[in-house]
């Protein structure tokens, strides 16, 4: 069983990592916005530097072509980034190209 912390709060992430009980972190655009960060991609990179495991980052684009480009950008941020794409028709088109 694996446990993922669902937050973008750096203090919460550091604390949970110090306990040694989480395997990764899931984020989404709402959680990142809640932290008031001006550069979401830099924030995701910072989370990746704290967490030794996977960190999810979600696309916000709405067309398959935009999702593909954004997913590739997110994946380049850090080797630990896992890209989340919504399971909508456009998202499934993007997933087909990316997989």
N, C-alpha and C. Protein backbone atom coordinates (compact mmCIF):
# COMPACT_ATOMS: atom_id res chain seq x y z
N UNK A 1 0.85 -1.17 0.00
CA UNK A 1 0.00 0.00 0.00
C UNK A 1 0.90 1.23 0.00
N UNK A 2 0.50 2.24 -0.76
CA UNK A 2 1.24 3.50 -0.82
C UNK A 2 0.34 4.63 -0.35
N UNK A 3 0.96 5.62 0.29
CA UNK A 3 0.22 6.76 0.83
C UNK A 3 0.75 8.06 0.21
N UNK A 4 -0.19 8.86 -0.29
CA UNK A 4 0.15 10.13 -0.92
C UNK A 4 -0.55 11.25 -0.17
N UNK A 5 0.20 12.29 0.13
CA UNK A 5 -0.34 13.47 0.80
C UNK A 5 -0.96 14.37 -0.26
N UNK A 6 -2.17 14.84 -0.04
CA UNK A 6 -2.89 15.67 -1.00
C UNK A 6 -2.83 17.12 -0.53
N UNK A 7 -1.78 17.83 -0.95
CA UNK A 7 -1.57 19.21 -0.53
C UNK A 7 -0.52 19.85 -1.42
N UNK A 8 -0.44 21.17 -1.35
CA UNK A 8 0.65 21.91 -1.99
C UNK A 8 1.35 22.78 -0.94
N UNK A 9 1.00 22.57 0.33
CA UNK A 9 1.57 23.34 1.42
C UNK A 9 2.94 22.77 1.79
N UNK A 10 3.98 23.58 1.61
CA UNK A 10 5.34 23.10 1.82
C UNK A 10 5.61 22.67 3.26
N UNK A 11 5.06 23.40 4.22
CA UNK A 11 5.26 23.04 5.63
C UNK A 11 4.63 21.69 5.94
N UNK A 12 3.42 21.46 5.44
CA UNK A 12 2.76 20.16 5.64
C UNK A 12 3.56 19.04 4.99
N UNK A 13 4.07 19.31 3.80
CA UNK A 13 4.84 18.29 3.08
C UNK A 13 6.12 17.96 3.85
N UNK A 14 6.84 19.00 4.28
CA UNK A 14 8.08 18.75 5.04
C UNK A 14 7.80 17.93 6.30
N UNK A 15 6.74 18.28 7.01
CA UNK A 15 6.42 17.56 8.24
C UNK A 15 6.09 16.10 7.94
N UNK A 16 5.23 15.85 6.96
CA UNK A 16 4.85 14.47 6.64
C UNK A 16 6.04 13.66 6.15
N UNK A 17 6.91 14.28 5.36
CA UNK A 17 8.11 13.58 4.89
C UNK A 17 9.00 13.22 6.08
N UNK A 18 9.09 14.11 7.07
CA UNK A 18 9.93 13.83 8.24
C UNK A 18 9.43 12.64 9.04
N UNK A 19 8.15 12.34 8.96
CA UNK A 19 7.59 11.18 9.66
C UNK A 19 7.92 9.87 8.94
N UNK A 20 8.28 9.98 7.66
CA UNK A 20 8.60 8.79 6.89
C UNK A 20 7.41 7.93 6.52
N UNK A 21 6.23 8.53 6.44
CA UNK A 21 5.02 7.73 6.17
C UNK A 21 4.38 7.99 4.81
N UNK A 22 4.89 8.94 4.04
CA UNK A 22 4.26 9.19 2.74
C UNK A 22 5.19 8.73 1.61
N UNK A 23 4.55 8.29 0.54
CA UNK A 23 5.29 7.84 -0.63
C UNK A 23 5.37 8.90 -1.71
N UNK A 24 4.52 9.91 -1.64
CA UNK A 24 4.50 10.96 -2.64
C UNK A 24 3.46 12.00 -2.29
N UNK A 25 3.27 12.94 -3.21
CA UNK A 25 2.34 14.05 -3.00
C UNK A 25 1.47 14.21 -4.24
N UNK A 26 0.18 14.42 -4.01
CA UNK A 26 -0.72 14.78 -5.11
C UNK A 26 -1.08 16.25 -4.96
N UNK A 27 -1.06 16.95 -6.07
CA UNK A 27 -1.45 18.36 -6.08
C UNK A 27 -2.50 18.54 -7.16
N UNK A 28 -3.05 19.71 -7.20
CA UNK A 28 -3.91 20.12 -8.31
C UNK A 28 -3.86 21.64 -8.38
N UNK A 29 -4.34 22.22 -9.46
CA UNK A 29 -4.27 23.68 -9.59
C UNK A 29 -4.92 24.44 -8.44
N UNK A 30 -6.01 23.92 -7.89
CA UNK A 30 -6.68 24.60 -6.77
C UNK A 30 -5.82 24.62 -5.52
N UNK A 31 -5.18 23.49 -5.22
CA UNK A 31 -4.31 23.42 -4.04
C UNK A 31 -3.12 24.36 -4.19
N UNK A 32 -2.57 24.43 -5.39
CA UNK A 32 -1.42 25.31 -5.62
C UNK A 32 -1.85 26.77 -5.53
N UNK A 33 -3.00 27.11 -6.10
CA UNK A 33 -3.51 28.49 -6.02
C UNK A 33 -3.78 28.89 -4.58
N UNK A 34 -4.27 27.95 -3.78
CA UNK A 34 -4.57 28.21 -2.37
C UNK A 34 -3.31 28.65 -1.61
N UNK A 35 -2.15 28.21 -2.07
CA UNK A 35 -0.89 28.58 -1.43
C UNK A 35 -0.42 29.98 -1.84
N UNK A 36 -1.09 30.59 -2.80
CA UNK A 36 -0.76 31.95 -3.21
C UNK A 36 0.56 32.09 -3.93
N UNK A 37 1.01 31.05 -4.59
CA UNK A 37 2.30 31.11 -5.29
C UNK A 37 2.15 31.83 -6.62
N UNK A 38 3.19 32.54 -7.02
CA UNK A 38 3.14 33.27 -8.29
C UNK A 38 3.64 32.42 -9.45
N UNK A 39 4.43 31.38 -9.15
CA UNK A 39 4.98 30.51 -10.19
C UNK A 39 4.68 29.05 -9.85
N UNK A 40 3.55 28.53 -10.33
CA UNK A 40 3.17 27.16 -9.98
C UNK A 40 4.21 26.11 -10.35
N UNK A 41 4.88 26.30 -11.47
CA UNK A 41 5.88 25.31 -11.88
C UNK A 41 7.08 25.29 -10.92
N UNK A 42 7.50 26.46 -10.49
CA UNK A 42 8.59 26.53 -9.51
C UNK A 42 8.16 25.88 -8.21
N UNK A 43 6.90 26.04 -7.85
CA UNK A 43 6.38 25.44 -6.62
C UNK A 43 6.38 23.91 -6.73
N UNK A 44 6.00 23.39 -7.87
CA UNK A 44 6.04 21.94 -8.08
C UNK A 44 7.47 21.43 -7.98
N UNK A 45 8.41 22.16 -8.58
CA UNK A 45 9.83 21.76 -8.48
C UNK A 45 10.28 21.75 -7.02
N UNK A 46 9.84 22.74 -6.25
CA UNK A 46 10.21 22.80 -4.84
C UNK A 46 9.65 21.61 -4.08
N UNK A 47 8.41 21.24 -4.36
CA UNK A 47 7.83 20.05 -3.73
C UNK A 47 8.66 18.82 -4.09
N UNK A 48 9.06 18.72 -5.35
CA UNK A 48 9.86 17.57 -5.79
C UNK A 48 11.20 17.49 -5.06
N UNK A 49 11.75 18.61 -4.68
CA UNK A 49 13.02 18.60 -3.95
C UNK A 49 12.84 18.12 -2.52
N UNK A 50 11.63 18.24 -1.99
CA UNK A 50 11.34 17.80 -0.62
C UNK A 50 10.97 16.33 -0.57
N UNK A 51 10.19 15.90 -1.56
CA UNK A 51 9.60 14.56 -1.56
C UNK A 51 10.46 13.60 -2.38
N UNK A 52 10.85 12.47 -1.80
CA UNK A 52 11.67 11.52 -2.56
C UNK A 52 10.89 10.70 -3.59
N UNK A 53 9.57 10.73 -3.53
CA UNK A 53 8.75 9.92 -4.43
C UNK A 53 7.98 10.76 -5.43
N UNK A 54 6.96 10.17 -6.04
CA UNK A 54 6.19 10.85 -7.08
C UNK A 54 5.44 12.09 -6.57
N UNK A 55 5.36 13.08 -7.45
CA UNK A 55 4.61 14.30 -7.18
C UNK A 55 3.71 14.54 -8.40
N UNK A 56 2.42 14.62 -8.17
CA UNK A 56 1.51 14.81 -9.31
C UNK A 56 1.34 16.30 -9.61
N UNK A 57 1.23 16.57 -10.90
CA UNK A 57 0.98 17.93 -11.39
C UNK A 57 -0.08 17.80 -12.48
N UNK A 58 -1.11 18.60 -12.41
CA UNK A 58 -2.25 18.46 -13.31
C UNK A 58 -2.26 19.53 -14.40
N UNK A 59 -2.58 19.12 -15.61
CA UNK A 59 -2.72 20.09 -16.70
C UNK A 59 -3.98 20.93 -16.47
N UNK A 60 -3.95 22.15 -16.97
CA UNK A 60 -5.13 23.02 -16.89
C UNK A 60 -5.69 23.34 -18.27
N UNK A 61 -5.00 22.91 -19.30
CA UNK A 61 -5.45 23.15 -20.67
C UNK A 61 -6.74 22.40 -20.95
N UNK A 62 -7.43 22.82 -22.01
CA UNK A 62 -8.73 22.21 -22.31
C UNK A 62 -8.79 21.48 -23.65
N UNK A 63 -7.80 21.68 -24.51
CA UNK A 63 -7.79 20.94 -25.77
C UNK A 63 -6.69 19.90 -25.73
N UNK A 64 -6.85 18.85 -26.52
CA UNK A 64 -5.86 17.78 -26.53
C UNK A 64 -4.47 18.31 -26.88
N UNK A 65 -4.38 19.14 -27.90
CA UNK A 65 -3.07 19.66 -28.31
C UNK A 65 -2.41 20.46 -27.19
N UNK A 66 -3.19 21.30 -26.53
CA UNK A 66 -2.65 22.09 -25.41
C UNK A 66 -2.26 21.19 -24.24
N UNK A 67 -3.09 20.18 -23.96
CA UNK A 67 -2.78 19.25 -22.87
C UNK A 67 -1.48 18.51 -23.14
N UNK A 68 -1.27 18.10 -24.37
CA UNK A 68 -0.05 17.38 -24.74
C UNK A 68 1.16 18.26 -24.48
N UNK A 69 1.12 19.49 -24.96
CA UNK A 69 2.24 20.41 -24.76
C UNK A 69 2.47 20.69 -23.29
N UNK A 70 1.40 20.94 -22.56
CA UNK A 70 1.52 21.24 -21.13
C UNK A 70 2.03 20.02 -20.35
N UNK A 71 1.53 18.85 -20.69
CA UNK A 71 1.98 17.62 -20.01
C UNK A 71 3.48 17.42 -20.21
N UNK A 72 3.95 17.66 -21.40
CA UNK A 72 5.39 17.52 -21.67
C UNK A 72 6.21 18.53 -20.87
N UNK A 73 5.70 19.76 -20.77
CA UNK A 73 6.38 20.78 -19.96
C UNK A 73 6.43 20.35 -18.49
N UNK A 74 5.31 19.88 -17.97
CA UNK A 74 5.26 19.46 -16.57
C UNK A 74 6.21 18.29 -16.32
N UNK A 75 6.24 17.34 -17.23
CA UNK A 75 7.10 16.16 -17.06
C UNK A 75 8.58 16.55 -17.05
N UNK A 76 8.93 17.63 -17.73
CA UNK A 76 10.33 18.08 -17.75
C UNK A 76 10.75 18.81 -16.48
N UNK A 77 9.80 19.17 -15.62
CA UNK A 77 10.14 19.92 -14.41
C UNK A 77 11.07 19.14 -13.49
N UNK A 78 10.82 17.84 -13.37
CA UNK A 78 11.58 17.01 -12.42
C UNK A 78 11.28 15.55 -12.74
N UNK A 79 12.25 14.66 -12.54
CA UNK A 79 12.00 13.23 -12.82
C UNK A 79 10.86 12.63 -12.00
N UNK A 80 10.53 13.22 -10.85
CA UNK A 80 9.48 12.66 -9.98
C UNK A 80 8.07 13.10 -10.36
N UNK A 81 7.94 14.02 -11.32
CA UNK A 81 6.61 14.52 -11.67
C UNK A 81 5.81 13.45 -12.42
N UNK A 82 4.59 13.23 -11.93
CA UNK A 82 3.59 12.41 -12.61
C UNK A 82 2.51 13.37 -13.10
N UNK A 83 2.19 13.31 -14.36
CA UNK A 83 1.23 14.25 -14.93
C UNK A 83 -0.19 13.70 -14.83
N UNK A 84 -1.10 14.55 -14.33
CA UNK A 84 -2.52 14.19 -14.27
C UNK A 84 -3.25 14.89 -15.41
N UNK A 85 -4.03 14.10 -16.14
CA UNK A 85 -4.83 14.62 -17.24
C UNK A 85 -6.28 14.20 -16.98
N UNK A 86 -7.22 15.14 -17.08
CA UNK A 86 -8.62 14.77 -16.82
C UNK A 86 -9.15 13.78 -17.85
N UNK A 87 -9.96 12.84 -17.40
CA UNK A 87 -10.54 11.82 -18.28
C UNK A 87 -11.79 12.36 -18.97
N UNK A 88 -11.56 13.34 -19.79
CA UNK A 88 -12.58 13.90 -20.68
C UNK A 88 -12.20 13.47 -22.09
N UNK A 89 -13.04 13.71 -23.06
CA UNK A 89 -12.72 13.30 -24.43
C UNK A 89 -11.38 13.90 -24.87
N UNK A 90 -11.19 15.20 -24.65
CA UNK A 90 -9.93 15.83 -25.04
C UNK A 90 -8.75 15.26 -24.24
N UNK A 91 -8.98 14.99 -22.97
CA UNK A 91 -7.93 14.40 -22.15
C UNK A 91 -7.54 13.01 -22.63
N UNK A 92 -8.52 12.22 -23.01
CA UNK A 92 -8.23 10.87 -23.51
C UNK A 92 -7.48 10.92 -24.83
N UNK A 93 -7.79 11.90 -25.67
CA UNK A 93 -7.03 12.09 -26.91
C UNK A 93 -5.57 12.39 -26.58
N UNK A 94 -5.36 13.26 -25.60
CA UNK A 94 -4.00 13.61 -25.20
C UNK A 94 -3.27 12.40 -24.62
N UNK A 95 -3.96 11.65 -23.78
CA UNK A 95 -3.35 10.47 -23.16
C UNK A 95 -2.93 9.47 -24.24
N UNK A 96 -3.75 9.32 -25.25
CA UNK A 96 -3.41 8.38 -26.33
C UNK A 96 -2.11 8.77 -27.01
N UNK A 97 -1.90 10.05 -27.25
CA UNK A 97 -0.67 10.52 -27.88
C UNK A 97 0.51 10.37 -26.94
N UNK A 98 0.30 10.68 -25.67
CA UNK A 98 1.41 10.69 -24.71
C UNK A 98 1.81 9.30 -24.23
N UNK A 99 0.92 8.33 -24.36
CA UNK A 99 1.24 7.00 -23.82
C UNK A 99 2.00 6.12 -24.80
